[in-house]
């Protein structure tokens, strides 16, 4: 992608509604974190972990929050 195409893409993104911009920002953040495991190693590991056995349940997260 050249600079002109990138500028056009940025302009299109600026015209999106805030909700869609937020969605794109989240998507790009996750892609960035996947590329660079040095940024946040624990988060990177969780993002890449596709084994449901290693996922925390909503119940366990709520319990941990209540214990803080």
Protein backbone atom coordinates (compact mmCIF):
# COMPACT_ATOMS: atom_id res chain seq x y z
CA UNK A 1 0.00 0.00 0.00
CA UNK A 2 1.47 3.34 -0.94
CA UNK A 3 1.16 6.64 0.95
CA UNK A 4 -1.72 7.87 -1.21
CA UNK A 5 -3.76 4.73 -0.59
CA UNK A 6 -3.03 4.94 3.13
CA UNK A 7 -4.16 8.58 3.21
CA UNK A 8 -7.38 7.62 1.41
CA UNK A 9 -8.00 4.85 3.92
CA UNK A 10 -7.43 7.23 6.83
CA UNK A 11 -9.89 9.70 5.32
CA UNK A 12 -12.52 6.97 4.96
CA UNK A 13 -12.00 5.95 8.59
CA UNK A 14 -12.43 9.56 9.76
CA UNK A 15 -15.86 9.61 8.11
CA UNK A 16 -17.07 6.51 9.97
CA UNK A 17 -19.49 6.88 12.89
CA UNK A 18 -17.79 6.79 16.33
CA UNK A 19 -18.98 3.23 17.03
CA UNK A 20 -17.40 1.95 13.82
CA UNK A 21 -14.20 3.89 14.53
CA UNK A 22 -14.07 2.24 17.97
CA UNK A 23 -14.54 -1.17 16.39
CA UNK A 24 -11.71 -0.53 13.92
CA UNK A 25 -9.45 0.82 16.68
CA UNK A 26 -10.03 -2.34 18.72
CA UNK A 27 -9.34 -4.53 15.71
CA UNK A 28 -6.10 -2.70 14.92
CA UNK A 29 -4.97 -2.85 18.55
CA UNK A 30 -5.43 -6.62 18.68
CA UNK A 31 -3.55 -7.02 15.40
CA UNK A 32 -0.73 -4.84 16.77
CA UNK A 33 -0.52 -6.89 19.96
CA UNK A 34 -0.41 -10.12 17.98
CA UNK A 35 2.60 -8.80 16.04
CA UNK A 36 4.61 -7.67 19.01
CA UNK A 37 4.63 -10.00 21.98
CA UNK A 38 7.12 -7.74 23.79
CA UNK A 39 4.49 -5.04 24.32
CA UNK A 40 2.34 -7.02 26.72
CA UNK A 41 3.40 -10.66 26.95
CA UNK A 42 0.53 -11.83 29.19
CA UNK A 43 -2.11 -10.21 26.99
CA UNK A 44 -0.41 -11.53 23.86
CA UNK A 45 -0.51 -15.04 25.28
CA UNK A 46 -4.22 -14.72 26.06
CA UNK A 47 -5.10 -13.32 22.64
CA UNK A 48 -3.30 -16.18 20.90
CA UNK A 49 -4.71 -18.91 23.21
CA UNK A 50 -7.47 -20.68 21.32
CA UNK A 51 -7.91 -23.49 23.86
CA UNK A 52 -11.14 -22.92 25.84
CA UNK A 53 -9.69 -24.98 28.70
CA UNK A 54 -7.35 -22.06 29.43
CA UNK A 55 -10.01 -19.35 29.32
CA UNK A 56 -11.34 -17.74 32.48
CA UNK A 57 -15.06 -17.98 33.04
CA UNK A 58 -17.19 -14.90 33.57
CA UNK A 59 -18.07 -16.26 37.00
CA UNK A 60 -14.42 -16.52 38.05
CA UNK A 61 -13.74 -12.97 36.83
CA UNK A 62 -16.68 -11.63 38.81
CA UNK A 63 -15.55 -13.51 41.91
CA UNK A 64 -12.00 -12.16 41.57
CA UNK A 65 -13.35 -8.62 41.20
CA UNK A 66 -15.54 -9.02 44.27
CA UNK A 67 -12.54 -10.23 46.31
CA UNK A 68 -10.46 -7.15 45.46
